[in-house]
Amino acid sequence: MNTVALSTHERILHYGLALLSQAGLAGITLGMLADRVGMSKSGLFAHFRSNEDVQIGLLTYMGQCARQHVVKPAMRAAVFGYLVLGMRHL
């Protein structure tokens, strides 16, 4: 992912998702996330009101990424497979 084009909010979520995959939701601290993003903890609070808000944001972002990179391609493949198999029976 090209992080240059991302907004600060998106950058926080991008790096937070990477941390989430390594440490789990309970293993992410605001300090750890701030360090990874390259900002202060108070800087994080400009984008998220609380640690819980960060966690909800990360879970929402994870769902969006899963939909885009897993669910949609799987659905396209399933539809394509159905069409190909269905044509064989004609």
PDB file of N, CA and C in Angstrom:
ATOM      1  N   MET A   1       0.856  -1.186   0.000  1.00  0.00           N
ATOM      2  CA  MET A   1       0.000   0.000   0.000  1.00  0.00           C
ATOM      3  C   MET A   1       0.893   1.237   0.000  1.00  0.00           C
ATOM      4  N   ASN A   2       0.559   2.204  -0.802  1.00  0.00           N
ATOM      5  CA  ASN A   2       1.321   3.448  -0.887  1.00  0.00           C
ATOM      6  C   ASN A   2       0.865   4.373   0.233  1.00  0.00           C
ATOM      7  N   THR A   3       1.690   4.498   1.285  1.00  0.00           N
ATOM      8  CA  THR A   3       1.290   5.295   2.443  1.00  0.00           C
ATOM      9  C   THR A   3       1.456   6.790   2.212  1.00  0.00           C
ATOM     10  N   VAL A   4       2.126   7.207   1.121  1.00  0.00           N
ATOM     11  CA  VAL A   4       2.305   8.634   0.841  1.00  0.00           C
ATOM     12  C   VAL A   4       0.960   9.295   0.552  1.00  0.00           C
ATOM     13  N   ALA A   5       0.083   8.583  -0.133  1.00  0.00           N
ATOM     14  CA  ALA A   5      -1.200   9.156  -0.542  1.00  0.00           C
ATOM     15  C   ALA A   5      -2.279   9.056   0.542  1.00  0.00           C
ATOM     16  N   LEU A   6      -1.980   8.402   1.645  1.00  0.00           N
ATOM     17  CA  LEU A   6      -2.979   8.216   2.690  1.00  0.00           C
ATOM     18  C   LEU A   6      -3.092   9.442   3.584  1.00  0.00           C
ATOM     19  N   SER A   7      -4.312   9.705   4.045  1.00  0.00           N
ATOM     20  CA  SER A   7      -4.495  10.752   5.049  1.00  0.00           C
ATOM     21  C   SER A   7      -3.916  10.242   6.368  1.00  0.00           C
ATOM     22  N   THR A   8      -3.732  11.133   7.320  1.00  0.00           N
ATOM     23  CA  THR A   8      -3.201  10.732   8.618  1.00  0.00           C
ATOM     24  C   THR A   8      -4.111   9.702   9.271  1.00  0.00           C
ATOM     25  N   HIS A   9      -5.400   9.914   9.202  1.00  0.00           N
ATOM     26  CA  HIS A   9      -6.371   8.978   9.772  1.00  0.00           C
ATOM     27  C   HIS A   9      -6.216   7.588   9.143  1.00  0.00           C
ATOM     28  N   GLU A  10      -6.096   7.544   7.823  1.00  0.00           N
ATOM     29  CA  GLU A  10      -5.919   6.278   7.119  1.00  0.00           C
ATOM     30  C   GLU A  10      -4.582   5.637   7.459  1.00  0.00           C
ATOM     31  N   ARG A  11      -3.545   6.460   7.610  1.00  0.00           N
ATOM     32  CA  ARG A  11      -2.223   5.952   7.980  1.00  0.00           C
ATOM     33  C   ARG A  11      -2.269   5.284   9.352  1.00  0.00           C
ATOM     34  N   ILE A  12      -2.969   5.914  10.285  1.00  0.00           N
ATOM     35  CA  ILE A  12      -3.109   5.341  11.619  1.00  0.00           C
ATOM     36  C   ILE A  12      -3.784   3.975  11.520  1.00  0.00           C
ATOM     37  N   LEU A  13      -4.851   3.889  10.751  1.00  0.00           N
ATOM     38  CA  LEU A  13      -5.561   2.629  10.596  1.00  0.00           C
ATOM     39  C   LEU A  13      -4.713   1.585   9.873  1.00  0.00           C
ATOM     40  N   HIS A  14      -3.979   2.004   8.858  1.00  0.00           N
ATOM     41  CA  HIS A  14      -3.115   1.096   8.100  1.00  0.00           C
ATOM     42  C   HIS A  14      -2.063   0.467   9.023  1.00  0.00           C
ATOM     43  N   TYR A  15      -1.349   1.296   9.761  1.00  0.00           N
ATOM     44  CA  TYR A  15      -0.325   0.771  10.672  1.00  0.00           C
ATOM     45  C   TYR A  15      -0.955   0.045  11.853  1.00  0.00           C
ATOM     46  N   GLY A  16      -2.110   0.510  12.295  1.00  0.00           N
ATOM     47  CA  GLY A  16      -2.809  -0.163  13.382  1.00  0.00           C
ATOM     48  C   GLY A  16      -3.244  -1.565  12.986  1.00  0.00           C
ATOM     49  N   LEU A  17      -3.667  -1.741  11.753  1.00  0.00           N
ATOM     50  CA  LEU A  17      -4.068  -3.061  11.278  1.00  0.00           C
ATOM     51  C   LEU A  17      -2.872  -4.005  11.244  1.00  0.00           C
ATOM     52  N   ALA A  18      -1.718  -3.500  10.854  1.00  0.00           N
ATOM     53  CA  ALA A  18      -0.500  -4.319  10.877  1.00  0.00           C
ATOM     54  C   ALA A  18      -0.181  -4.746  12.312  1.00  0.00           C
ATOM     55  N   LEU A  19      -0.295  -3.818  13.255  1.00  0.00           N
ATOM     56  CA  LEU A  19      -0.078  -4.160  14.663  1.00  0.00           C
ATOM     57  C   LEU A  19      -1.125  -5.148  15.159  1.00  0.00           C
ATOM     58  N   LEU A  20      -2.359  -4.953  14.746  1.00  0.00           N
ATOM     59  CA  LEU A  20      -3.449  -5.830  15.146  1.00  0.00           C
ATOM     60  C   LEU A  20      -3.158  -7.272  14.737  1.00  0.00           C
ATOM     61  N   SER A  21      -2.616  -7.450  13.544  1.00  0.00           N
ATOM     62  CA  SER A  21      -2.320  -8.801  13.064  1.00  0.00           C
ATOM     63  C   SER A  21      -1.183  -9.444  13.842  1.00  0.00           C
ATOM     64  N   GLN A  22      -0.330  -8.631  14.471  1.00  0.00           N
ATOM     65  CA  GLN A  22       0.803  -9.153  15.229  1.00  0.00           C
ATOM     66  C   GLN A  22       0.494  -9.327  16.709  1.00  0.00           C
ATOM     67  N   ALA A  23      -0.179  -8.346  17.296  1.00  0.00           N
ATOM     68  CA  ALA A  23      -0.341  -8.312  18.746  1.00  0.00           C
ATOM     69  C   ALA A  23      -1.768  -8.562  19.210  1.00  0.00           C
ATOM     70  N   GLY A  24      -2.729  -8.576  18.294  1.00  0.00           N
ATOM     71  CA  GLY A  24      -4.123  -8.698  18.693  1.00  0.00           C
ATOM     72  C   GLY A  24      -4.643  -7.362  19.203  1.00  0.00           C
ATOM     73  N   LEU A  25      -5.928  -7.263  19.331  1.00  0.00           N
ATOM     74  CA  LEU A  25      -6.560  -6.007  19.721  1.00  0.00           C
ATOM     75  C   LEU A  25      -6.113  -5.550  21.107  1.00  0.00           C
ATOM     76  N   ALA A  26      -6.044  -6.474  22.045  1.00  0.00           N
ATOM     77  CA  ALA A  26      -5.655  -6.119  23.413  1.00  0.00           C
ATOM     78  C   ALA A  26      -4.175  -5.777  23.524  1.00  0.00           C
ATOM     79  N   GLY A  27      -3.382  -6.201  22.537  1.00  0.00           N
ATOM     80  CA  GLY A  27      -1.943  -5.956  22.586  1.00  0.00           C
ATOM     81  C   GLY A  27      -1.501  -4.628  22.018  1.00  0.00           C
ATOM     82  N   ILE A  28      -2.416  -3.857  21.481  1.00  0.00           N
ATOM     83  CA  ILE A  28      -2.069  -2.562  20.885  1.00  0.00           C
ATOM     84  C   ILE A  28      -2.256  -1.467  21.926  1.00  0.00           C
ATOM     85  N   THR A  29      -1.191  -0.726  22.164  1.00  0.00           N
ATOM     86  CA  THR A  29      -1.287   0.438  23.044  1.00  0.00           C
ATOM     87  C   THR A  29      -1.246   1.703  22.189  1.00  0.00           C
ATOM     88  N   LEU A  30      -1.768   2.775  22.736  1.00  0.00           N
ATOM     89  CA  LEU A  30      -1.724   4.046  22.004  1.00  0.00           C
ATOM     90  C   LEU A  30      -0.291   4.475  21.766  1.00  0.00           C
ATOM     91  N   GLY A  31       0.581   4.242  22.743  1.00  0.00           N
ATOM     92  CA  GLY A  31       1.991   4.595  22.585  1.00  0.00           C
ATOM     93  C   GLY A  31       2.649   3.811  21.466  1.00  0.00           C
ATOM     94  N   MET A  32       2.365   2.519  21.399  1.00  0.00           N
ATOM     95  CA  MET A  32       2.904   1.657  20.356  1.00  0.00           C
ATOM     96  C   MET A  32       2.430   2.121  18.978  1.00  0.00           C
ATOM     97  N   LEU A  33       1.146   2.417  18.884  1.00  0.00           N
ATOM     98  CA  LEU A  33       0.584   2.868  17.610  1.00  0.00           C
ATOM     99  C   LEU A  33       1.147   4.227  17.212  1.00  0.00           C
ATOM    100  N   ALA A  34       1.251   5.133  18.178  1.00  0.00           N
ATOM    101  CA  ALA A  34       1.808   6.464  17.894  1.00  0.00           C
ATOM    102  C   ALA A  34       3.244   6.346  17.399  1.00  0.00           C
ATOM    103  N   ASP A  35       4.037   5.493  18.040  1.00  0.00           N
ATOM    104  CA  ASP A  35       5.418   5.290  17.593  1.00  0.00           C
ATOM    105  C   ASP A  35       5.471   4.760  16.177  1.00  0.00           C
ATOM    106  N   ARG A  36       4.616   3.781  15.876  1.00  0.00           N
ATOM    107  CA  ARG A  36       4.616   3.167  14.549  1.00  0.00           C
ATOM    108  C   ARG A  36       4.244   4.177  13.474  1.00  0.00           C
ATOM    109  N   VAL A  37       3.304   5.059  13.802  1.00  0.00           N
ATOM    110  CA  VAL A  37       2.833   6.051  12.830  1.00  0.00           C
ATOM    111  C   VAL A  37       3.788   7.234  12.748  1.00  0.00           C
ATOM    112  N   GLY A  38       4.557   7.450  13.829  1.00  0.00           N
ATOM    113  CA  GLY A  38       5.489   8.572  13.844  1.00  0.00           C
ATOM    114  C   GLY A  38       4.859   9.844  14.362  1.00  0.00           C
ATOM    115  N   MET A  39       4.007   9.702  15.367  1.00  0.00           N
ATOM    116  CA  MET A  39       3.369  10.873  15.951  1.00  0.00           C
ATOM    117  C   MET A  39       3.257  10.677  17.464  1.00  0.00           C
ATOM    118  N   SER A  40       2.817  11.701  18.146  1.00  0.00           N
ATOM    119  CA  SER A  40       2.647  11.620  19.596  1.00  0.00           C
ATOM    120  C   SER A  40       1.290  10.999  19.931  1.00  0.00           C
ATOM    121  N   LYS A  41       1.166  10.537  21.180  1.00  0.00           N
ATOM    122  CA  LYS A  41      -0.131   9.999  21.614  1.00  0.00           C
ATOM    123  C   LYS A  41      -1.204  11.077  21.539  1.00  0.00           C
ATOM    124  N   SER A  42      -0.847  12.304  21.889  1.00  0.00           N
ATOM    125  CA  SER A  42      -1.841  13.383  21.810  1.00  0.00           C
ATOM    126  C   SER A  42      -2.246  13.631  20.358  1.00  0.00           C
ATOM    127  N   GLY A  43      -1.334  13.379  19.431  1.00  0.00           N
ATOM    128  CA  GLY A  43      -1.668  13.491  18.014  1.00  0.00           C
ATOM    129  C   GLY A  43      -2.714  12.481  17.595  1.00  0.00           C
ATOM    130  N   LEU A  44      -2.647  11.277  18.187  1.00  0.00           N
ATOM    131  CA  LEU A  44      -3.666  10.260  17.903  1.00  0.00           C
ATOM    132  C   LEU A  44      -5.044  10.727  18.341  1.00  0.00           C
ATOM    133  N   PHE A  45      -5.083  11.439  19.475  1.00  0.00           N
ATOM    134  CA  PHE A  45      -6.366  11.894  20.001  1.00  0.00           C
ATOM    135  C   PHE A  45      -6.999  12.981  19.140  1.00  0.00           C
ATOM    136  N   ALA A  46      -6.252  13.543  18.213  1.00  0.00           N
ATOM    137  CA  ALA A  46      -6.843  14.484  17.261  1.00  0.00           C
ATOM    138  C   ALA A  46      -7.713  13.731  16.245  1.00  0.00           C
ATOM    139  N   HIS A  47      -7.462  12.417  16.112  1.00  0.00           N
ATOM    140  CA  HIS A  47      -8.184  11.604  15.138  1.00  0.00           C
ATOM    141  C   HIS A  47      -9.141  10.603  15.791  1.00  0.00           C
ATOM    142  N   PHE A  48      -8.851  10.211  17.011  1.00  0.00           N
ATOM    143  CA  PHE A  48      -9.672   9.266  17.757  1.00  0.00           C
ATOM    144  C   PHE A  48      -9.828   9.791  19.173  1.00  0.00           C
ATOM    145  N   ARG A  49     -11.032   9.708  19.717  1.00  0.00           N
ATOM    146  CA  ARG A  49     -11.304  10.289  21.036  1.00  0.00           C
ATOM    147  C   ARG A  49     -10.779   9.454  22.196  1.00  0.00           C
ATOM    148  N   SER A  50     -10.631   8.147  21.991  1.00  0.00           N
ATOM    149  CA  SER A  50     -10.231   7.271  23.088  1.00  0.00           C
ATOM    150  C   SER A  50      -9.581   6.010  22.531  1.00  0.00           C
ATOM    151  N   ASN A  51      -9.025   5.216  23.419  1.00  0.00           N
ATOM    152  CA  ASN A  51      -8.461   3.935  23.020  1.00  0.00           C
ATOM    153  C   ASN A  51      -9.554   3.038  22.425  1.00  0.00           C
ATOM    154  N   GLU A  52     -10.734   3.087  23.014  1.00  0.00           N
ATOM    155  CA  GLU A  52     -11.864   2.314  22.496  1.00  0.00           C
ATOM    156  C   GLU A  52     -12.232   2.766  21.084  1.00  0.00           C
ATOM    157  N   ASP A  53     -12.175   4.048  20.829  1.00  0.00           N
ATOM    158  CA  ASP A  53     -12.457   4.599  19.501  1.00  0.00           C
ATOM    159  C   ASP A  53     -11.432   4.080  18.480  1.00  0.00           C
ATOM    160  N   VAL A  54     -10.176   3.985  18.901  1.00  0.00           N
ATOM    161  CA  VAL A  54      -9.131   3.423  18.029  1.00  0.00           C
ATOM    162  C   VAL A  54      -9.467   1.969  17.720  1.00  0.00           C
ATOM    163  N   GLN A  55      -9.830   1.204  18.742  1.00  0.00           N
ATOM    164  CA  GLN A  55     -10.148  -0.208  18.548  1.00  0.00           C
ATOM    165  C   GLN A  55     -11.341  -0.396  17.618  1.00  0.00           C
ATOM    166  N   ILE A  56     -12.382   0.390  17.808  1.00  0.00           N
ATOM    167  CA  ILE A  56     -13.551   0.313  16.925  1.00  0.00           C
ATOM    168  C   ILE A  56     -13.161   0.693  15.499  1.00  0.00           C
ATOM    169  N   GLY A  57     -12.346   1.728  15.358  1.00  0.00           N
ATOM    170  CA  GLY A  57     -11.869   2.126  14.039  1.00  0.00           C
ATOM    171  C   GLY A  57     -11.079   1.023  13.361  1.00  0.00           C
ATOM    172  N   LEU A  58     -10.229   0.337  14.127  1.00  0.00           N
ATOM    173  CA  LEU A  58      -9.424  -0.750  13.567  1.00  0.00           C
ATOM    174  C   LEU A  58     -10.302  -1.928  13.138  1.00  0.00           C
ATOM    175  N   LEU A  59     -11.280  -2.271  13.950  1.00  0.00           N
ATOM    176  CA  LEU A  59     -12.168  -3.376  13.586  1.00  0.00           C
ATOM    177  C   LEU A  59     -13.009  -3.039  12.357  1.00  0.00           C
ATOM    178  N   THR A  60     -13.458  -1.799  12.264  1.00  0.00           N
ATOM    179  CA  THR A  60     -14.219  -1.357  11.092  1.00  0.00           C
ATOM    180  C   THR A  60     -13.338  -1.397   9.847  1.00  0.00           C
ATOM    181  N   TYR A  61     -12.109  -0.891   9.974  1.00  0.00           N
ATOM    182  CA  TYR A  61     -11.157  -0.886   8.856  1.00  0.00           C
ATOM    183  C   TYR A  61     -10.819  -2.315   8.427  1.00  0.00           C
ATOM    184  N   MET A  62     -10.651  -3.209   9.403  1.00  0.00           N
ATOM    185  CA  MET A  62     -10.362  -4.606   9.099  1.00  0.00           C
ATOM    186  C   MET A  62     -11.513  -5.208   8.292  1.00  0.00           C
ATOM    187  N   GLY A  63     -12.749  -4.903   8.676  1.00  0.00           N
ATOM    188  CA  GLY A  63     -13.900  -5.392   7.935  1.00  0.00           C
ATOM    189  C   GLY A  63     -13.938  -4.863   6.511  1.00  0.00           C
ATOM    190  N   GLN A  64     -13.601  -3.586   6.346  1.00  0.00           N
ATOM    191  CA  GLN A  64     -13.571  -2.990   5.006  1.00  0.00           C
ATOM    192  C   GLN A  64     -12.504  -3.653   4.139  1.00  0.00           C
ATOM    193  N   CYS A  65     -11.333  -3.887   4.715  1.00  0.00           N
ATOM    194  CA  CYS A  65     -10.243  -4.546   3.974  1.00  0.00           C
ATOM    195  C   CYS A  65     -10.627  -5.970   3.604  1.00  0.00           C
ATOM    196  N   ALA A  66     -11.245  -6.691   4.536  1.00  0.00           N
ATOM    197  CA  ALA A  66     -11.670  -8.068   4.259  1.00  0.00           C
ATOM    198  C   ALA A  66     -12.698  -8.094   3.138  1.00  0.00           C
ATOM    199  N   ARG A  67     -13.644  -7.161   3.181  1.00  0.00           N
ATOM    200  CA  ARG A  67     -14.657  -7.099   2.124  1.00  0.00           C
ATOM    201  C   ARG A  67     -14.005  -6.855   0.766  1.00  0.00           C
ATOM    202  N   GLN A  68     -13.080  -5.907   0.725  1.00  0.00           N
ATOM    203  CA  GLN A  68     -12.457  -5.523  -0.542  1.00  0.00           C
ATOM    204  C   GLN A  68     -11.521  -6.605  -1.079  1.00  0.00           C
ATOM    205  N   HIS A  69     -10.730  -7.225  -0.206  1.00  0.00           N
ATOM    206  CA  HIS A  69      -9.671  -8.120  -0.665  1.00  0.00           C
ATOM    207  C   HIS A  69     -10.006  -9.607  -0.553  1.00  0.00           C
ATOM    208  N   VAL A  70     -11.085  -9.953   0.146  1.00  0.00           N
ATOM    209  CA  VAL A  70     -11.447 -11.360   0.305  1.00  0.00           C
ATOM    210  C   VAL A  70     -12.854 -11.639  -0.219  1.00  0.00           C
ATOM    211  N   VAL A  71     -13.829 -10.949   0.315  1.00  0.00           N
ATOM    212  CA  VAL A  71     -15.228 -11.255  -0.010  1.00  0.00           C
ATOM    213  C   VAL A  71     -15.553 -10.929  -1.465  1.00  0.00           C
ATOM    214  N   LYS A  72     -15.243  -9.714  -1.911  1.00  0.00           N
ATOM    215  CA  LYS A  72     -15.580  -9.336  -3.299  1.00  0.00           C
ATOM    216  C   LYS A  72     -14.893 -10.238  -4.323  1.00  0.00           C
ATOM    217  N   PRO A  73     -13.573 -10.506  -4.203  1.00  0.00           N
ATOM    218  CA  PRO A  73     -12.952 -11.421  -5.172  1.00  0.00           C
ATOM    219  C   PRO A  73     -13.563 -12.830  -5.125  1.00  0.00           C
ATOM    220  N   ALA A  74     -13.892 -13.302  -3.928  1.00  0.00           N
ATOM    221  CA  ALA A  74     -14.502 -14.630  -3.816  1.00  0.00           C
ATOM    222  C   ALA A  74     -15.875 -14.658  -4.485  1.00  0.00           C
ATOM    223  N   MET A  75     -16.632 -13.594  -4.317  1.00  0.00           N
ATOM    224  CA  MET A  75     -17.953 -13.533  -4.943  1.00  0.00           C
ATOM    225  C   MET A  75     -17.831 -13.471  -6.462  1.00  0.00           C
ATOM    226  N   ARG A  76     -16.858 -12.680  -6.951  1.00  0.00           N
ATOM    227  CA  ARG A  76     -16.652 -12.616  -8.409  1.00  0.00           C
ATOM    228  C   ARG A  76     -16.264 -13.992  -8.950  1.00  0.00           C
ATOM    229  N   ALA A  77     -15.376 -14.689  -8.241  1.00  0.00           N
ATOM    230  CA  ALA A  77     -14.947 -16.015  -8.679  1.00  0.00           C
ATOM    231  C   ALA A  77     -16.117 -17.000  -8.644  1.00  0.00           C
ATOM    232  N   ALA A  78     -16.953 -16.895  -7.621  1.00  0.00           N
ATOM    233  CA  ALA A  78     -18.102 -17.789  -7.518  1.00  0.00           C
ATOM    234  C   ALA A  78     -19.084 -17.549  -8.656  1.00  0.00           C
ATOM    235  N   VAL A  79     -19.346 -16.298  -8.972  1.00  0.00           N
ATOM    236  CA  VAL A  79     -20.264 -15.969 -10.071  1.00  0.00           C
ATOM    237  C   VAL A  79     -19.678 -16.436 -11.393  1.00  0.00           C
ATOM    238  N   PHE A  80     -18.385 -16.184 -11.593  1.00  0.00           N
ATOM    239  CA  PHE A  80     -17.723 -16.613 -12.824  1.00  0.00           C
ATOM    240  C   PHE A  80     -17.786 -18.138 -12.939  1.00  0.00           C
ATOM    241  N   GLY A  81     -17.486 -18.833 -11.848  1.00  0.00           N
ATOM    242  CA  GLY A  81     -17.549 -20.299 -11.855  1.00  0.00           C
ATOM    243  C   GLY A  81     -18.936 -20.795 -12.157  1.00  0.00           C
ATOM    244  N   TYR A  82     -19.927 -20.157 -11.586  1.00  0.00           N
ATOM    245  CA  TYR A  82     -21.322 -20.535 -11.838  1.00  0.00           C
ATOM    246  C   TYR A  82     -21.664 -20.344 -13.314  1.00  0.00           C
ATOM    247  N   LEU A  83     -21.222 -19.220 -13.873  1.00  0.00           N
ATOM    248  CA  LEU A  83     -21.513 -18.956 -15.293  1.00  0.00           C
ATOM    249  C   LEU A  83     -20.807 -19.957 -16.189  1.00  0.00           C
ATOM    250  N   VAL A  84     -19.552 -20.252 -15.885  1.00  0.00           N
ATOM    251  CA  VAL A  84     -18.797 -21.207 -16.718  1.00  0.00           C
ATOM    252  C   VAL A  84     -19.417 -22.598 -16.610  1.00  0.00           C
ATOM    253  N   LEU A  85     -19.702 -23.039 -15.404  1.00  0.00           N
ATOM    254  CA  LEU A  85     -20.303 -24.370 -15.224  1.00  0.00           C
ATOM    255  C   LEU A  85     -21.700 -24.424 -15.818  1.00  0.00           C
ATOM    256  N   GLY A  86     -22.457 -23.341 -15.669  1.00  0.00           N
ATOM    257  CA  GLY A  86     -23.803 -23.299 -16.207  1.00  0.00           C
ATOM    258  C   GLY A  86     -23.811 -23.380 -17.723  1.00  0.00           C
ATOM    259  N   MET A  87     -22.826 -22.783 -18.383  1.00  0.00           N
ATOM    260  CA  MET A  87     -22.754 -22.814 -19.839  1.00  0.00           C
ATOM    261  C   MET A  87     -22.413 -24.199 -20.340  1.00  0.00           C
ATOM    262  N   ARG A  88     -21.715 -24.989 -19.568  1.00  0.00           N
ATOM    263  CA  ARG A  88     -21.357 -26.333 -19.988  1.00  0.00           C
ATOM    264  C   ARG A  88     -22.599 -27.221 -20.106  1.00  0.00           C
ATOM    265  N   HIS A  89     -23.633 -26.882 -19.363  1.00  0.00           N
ATOM    266  CA  HIS A  89     -24.847 -27.698 -19.363  1.00  0.00           C
ATOM    267  C   HIS A  89     -25.831 -27.282 -20.456  1.00  0.00           C
ATOM    268  N   LEU A  90     -25.499 -26.273 -21.218  1.00  0.00           N
ATOM    269  CA  LEU A  90     -26.413 -25.830 -22.290  1.00  0.00           C
ATOM    270  C   LEU A  90     -26.263 -26.652 -23.533  1.00  0.00           C
TER     271      LEU A  90
END
